[in-house]
Every structure is written in C-alpha cells, then in structure tokens.
Amino acid sequence: AAARRAAGLPEQARQGLLADIPVALPALTRAIKLQEKASKVGFDWNDARLVLAKIREECDEVEEALDRGDKAHVASEIGDVLFAVANLARHAKTDAESALRQTNAKFERRFRHIEERLAAQGKVLGAATLQEMDALWDEAKTLESVG
C-alpha cells in the first residue's frame, strides 16, 4: 500500500529532498549542502545566534557523554557539534573549508614556533612540559598579532 501511495508522488518526494547530495563528498562540504537544501524548504534558523546556541547545547551534550564514558555517544555528539559549526559558517556566509584551511595553517605556524623556540633552548618536543609549550604558543599568538 505504501508503495502505491508513493508511486503517485513526484520523484523528489519518493526519493527525499536530500537524496541527490552525493555521499562521497567531503563531510564538511556535504553537511553544508544538506543544510542548504533543507533551508530551501524552510527548515533553518533565521539568525546565526540561534546556531551558536545550538552549538553550545551540543557541546553540553558532548560533556554529558564524556561523563558517562560512552565512546559511541561521544562520537555521535561530536558529529552534532561539527554539523552545527558547519551550519554557523553557512549562516555567517563563511567558506567553512577555507576557514578551516586557514586555521590549520595558523596552527602549523604556531606549532612550528614552539618547535623552533624549544630547539633554540636545546630542548625537544617530548621533553617539554605542556606549560612550556602553552607559553610558547601564547608567545606565537602575540607575535602574530603584533606582526
């Protein structure tokens, strides 16, 4: 009976609105395409601040899953956070891939600074404390903001 009812529906309704978004896309790109498509039929927030609130809610859920020690639930909740962050980038009209590439490059620059400063002190990464590396990270941040 369900098949007969579905047969009378337009192709899009039978397959689903999101069916044509390739699963093989990079996850971040696919998340944004899913969100864009859903937005076209009104399933969307109208304010980026609401997306920020959702991110905070999802982060709280990650914390709860961590407290329970449920690895599968932690992974699921982290996925929800990433999906919500992709949605924020879309709402802010920011290219999420480009923003993440820039942050990756920034992380590499700052980490390289840590390596170079430790080497200048005659230390290796594995022998440095987290506090030492954090201080050098902060130093790199300061140098970037000044330079």
Protein backbone atom coordinates (compact mmCIF):
# COMPACT_ATOMS: atom_id res chain seq x y z
CA ALA A 1 0.00 0.00 0.00
CA ALA A 2 2.79 2.40 0.85
CA ALA A 3 4.45 1.70 -2.50
CA ARG A 4 1.20 2.54 -4.30
CA ARG A 5 0.87 5.79 -2.36
CA ALA A 6 4.50 6.67 -3.08
CA ALA A 7 4.04 5.88 -6.76
CA GLY A 8 1.70 8.84 -7.12
CA LEU A 9 4.20 11.27 -5.59
CA PRO A 10 6.69 13.37 -7.56
CA GLU A 11 10.16 11.78 -7.87
CA GLN A 12 11.68 14.16 -5.31
CA ALA A 13 9.12 13.20 -2.66
CA ARG A 14 9.68 9.47 -3.28
CA GLN A 15 13.46 9.70 -3.00
CA GLY A 16 13.67 12.50 -0.45
CA LEU A 17 14.82 16.07 -0.79
CA LEU A 18 18.39 15.25 0.21
CA ALA A 19 18.80 12.12 -1.91
CA ASP A 20 20.76 13.83 -4.69
CA ILE A 21 23.55 15.09 -2.43
CA PRO A 22 26.49 12.74 -3.04
CA VAL A 23 27.60 10.72 -0.02
CA ALA A 24 31.15 10.73 -1.42
CA LEU A 25 31.58 14.48 -0.82
CA PRO A 26 33.92 15.54 1.97
CA ALA A 27 31.86 15.52 5.17
CA LEU A 28 32.09 19.28 5.79
CA THR A 29 31.02 20.11 2.24
CA ARG A 30 28.18 17.57 2.37
CA ALA A 31 26.94 18.94 5.70
CA ILE A 32 26.64 22.41 4.22
CA LYS A 33 24.90 21.12 1.09
CA LEU A 34 22.42 19.17 3.24
CA GLN A 35 21.72 22.30 5.28
CA GLU A 36 21.34 24.49 2.19
CA LYS A 37 18.85 22.09 0.66
CA ALA A 38 16.80 21.84 3.87
CA SER A 39 16.87 25.62 4.16
CA LYS A 40 15.19 25.98 0.77
CA VAL A 41 12.03 24.41 2.22
CA GLY A 42 12.16 26.48 5.42
CA PHE A 43 13.96 24.03 7.72
CA ASP A 44 16.51 26.51 9.04
CA TRP A 45 17.21 29.11 11.68
CA ASN A 46 16.85 32.74 10.71
CA ASP A 47 19.65 34.03 12.93
CA ALA A 48 23.26 32.88 13.30
CA ARG A 49 22.98 33.48 17.06
CA LEU A 50 20.44 30.67 17.26
CA VAL A 51 23.02 28.41 15.63
CA LEU A 52 25.54 29.49 18.28
CA ALA A 53 23.05 28.49 20.95
CA LYS A 54 22.70 25.10 19.25
CA ILE A 55 26.48 24.68 19.26
CA ARG A 56 26.56 25.39 23.00
CA GLU A 57 23.76 22.86 23.55
CA GLU A 58 25.62 20.24 21.50
CA CYS A 59 28.85 20.92 23.45
CA ASP A 60 26.96 20.34 26.69
CA GLU A 61 25.76 17.02 25.27
CA VAL A 62 29.36 16.06 24.43
CA GLU A 63 30.31 16.79 28.02
CA GLU A 64 27.47 14.63 29.33
CA ALA A 65 28.54 11.76 27.03
CA LEU A 66 32.14 12.14 28.21
CA ASP A 67 30.97 11.99 31.81
CA ARG A 68 29.15 8.71 31.06
CA GLY A 69 32.23 7.30 29.29
CA ASP A 70 30.16 6.17 26.30
CA LYS A 71 32.57 6.39 23.35
CA ALA A 72 29.92 5.82 20.68
CA HIS A 73 27.70 8.52 22.16
CA VAL A 74 30.69 10.90 22.43
CA ALA A 75 31.44 10.36 18.74
CA SER A 76 27.81 10.98 17.82
CA GLU A 77 27.67 14.19 19.85
CA ILE A 78 30.96 15.45 18.39
CA GLY A 79 29.44 14.86 14.96
CA ASP A 80 26.49 17.01 16.03
CA VAL A 81 28.88 19.78 17.12
CA LEU A 82 30.72 19.67 13.81
CA PHE A 83 27.44 19.72 11.88
CA ALA A 84 26.26 22.74 13.89
CA VAL A 85 29.58 24.55 13.34
CA ALA A 86 29.26 23.95 9.59
CA ASN A 87 25.78 25.46 9.85
CA LEU A 88 27.21 28.51 11.63
CA ALA A 89 29.74 29.01 8.84
CA ARG A 90 26.92 28.82 6.31
CA HIS A 91 24.83 31.36 8.22
CA ALA A 92 27.85 33.66 8.57
CA LYS A 93 28.45 33.32 4.82
CA THR A 94 31.92 31.98 5.53
CA ASP A 95 33.52 29.26 3.42
CA ALA A 96 33.99 26.59 6.08
CA GLU A 97 36.65 24.70 4.11
CA SER A 98 38.67 27.86 3.58
CA ALA A 99 38.27 28.91 7.21
CA LEU A 100 39.46 25.51 8.43
CA ARG A 101 42.41 25.53 5.99
CA GLN A 102 43.44 28.96 7.32
CA THR A 103 43.19 27.72 10.91
CA ASN A 104 45.20 24.62 10.04
CA ALA A 105 47.92 26.86 8.59
CA LYS A 106 47.81 29.08 11.69
CA PHE A 107 48.13 26.02 13.94
CA GLU A 108 51.12 24.81 11.92
CA ARG A 109 52.83 28.23 12.15
CA ARG A 110 52.34 28.43 15.89
CA PHE A 111 53.41 24.84 16.47
CA ARG A 112 56.50 25.44 14.32
CA HIS A 113 57.26 28.43 16.57
CA ILE A 114 57.11 26.11 19.59
CA GLU A 115 59.48 23.66 17.89
CA GLU A 116 61.94 26.38 16.89
CA ARG A 117 61.97 28.06 20.31
CA LEU A 118 62.42 24.75 22.10
CA ALA A 119 65.26 23.84 19.73
CA ALA A 120 66.89 27.21 20.45
CA GLN A 121 66.72 26.31 24.15
CA GLY A 122 68.27 22.91 23.44
CA LYS A 123 65.01 21.05 24.15
CA VAL A 124 62.97 18.59 22.14
CA LEU A 125 59.19 18.45 21.97
CA GLY A 126 58.82 15.28 24.00
CA ALA A 127 60.87 16.70 26.85
CA ALA A 128 58.97 20.00 27.14
CA THR A 129 56.10 20.36 29.57
CA LEU A 130 52.65 21.35 28.46
CA GLN A 131 53.07 24.60 30.41
CA GLU A 132 56.26 25.41 28.47
CA MET A 133 54.60 24.66 25.16
CA ASP A 134 51.50 26.69 26.12
CA ALA A 135 53.69 29.67 26.99
CA LEU A 136 55.43 29.43 23.62
CA TRP A 137 52.03 29.08 21.91
CA ASP A 138 50.90 32.29 23.58
CA GLU A 139 54.15 33.93 22.51
CA ALA A 140 53.46 32.91 18.89
CA LYS A 141 49.95 34.35 19.12
CA THR A 142 51.33 37.63 20.45
CA LEU A 143 53.95 37.81 17.70
CA GLU A 144 51.25 37.24 15.06
CA SER A 145 49.02 39.97 16.44
CA VAL A 146 51.92 42.44 16.61
CA GLY A 147 53.37 41.50 13.23
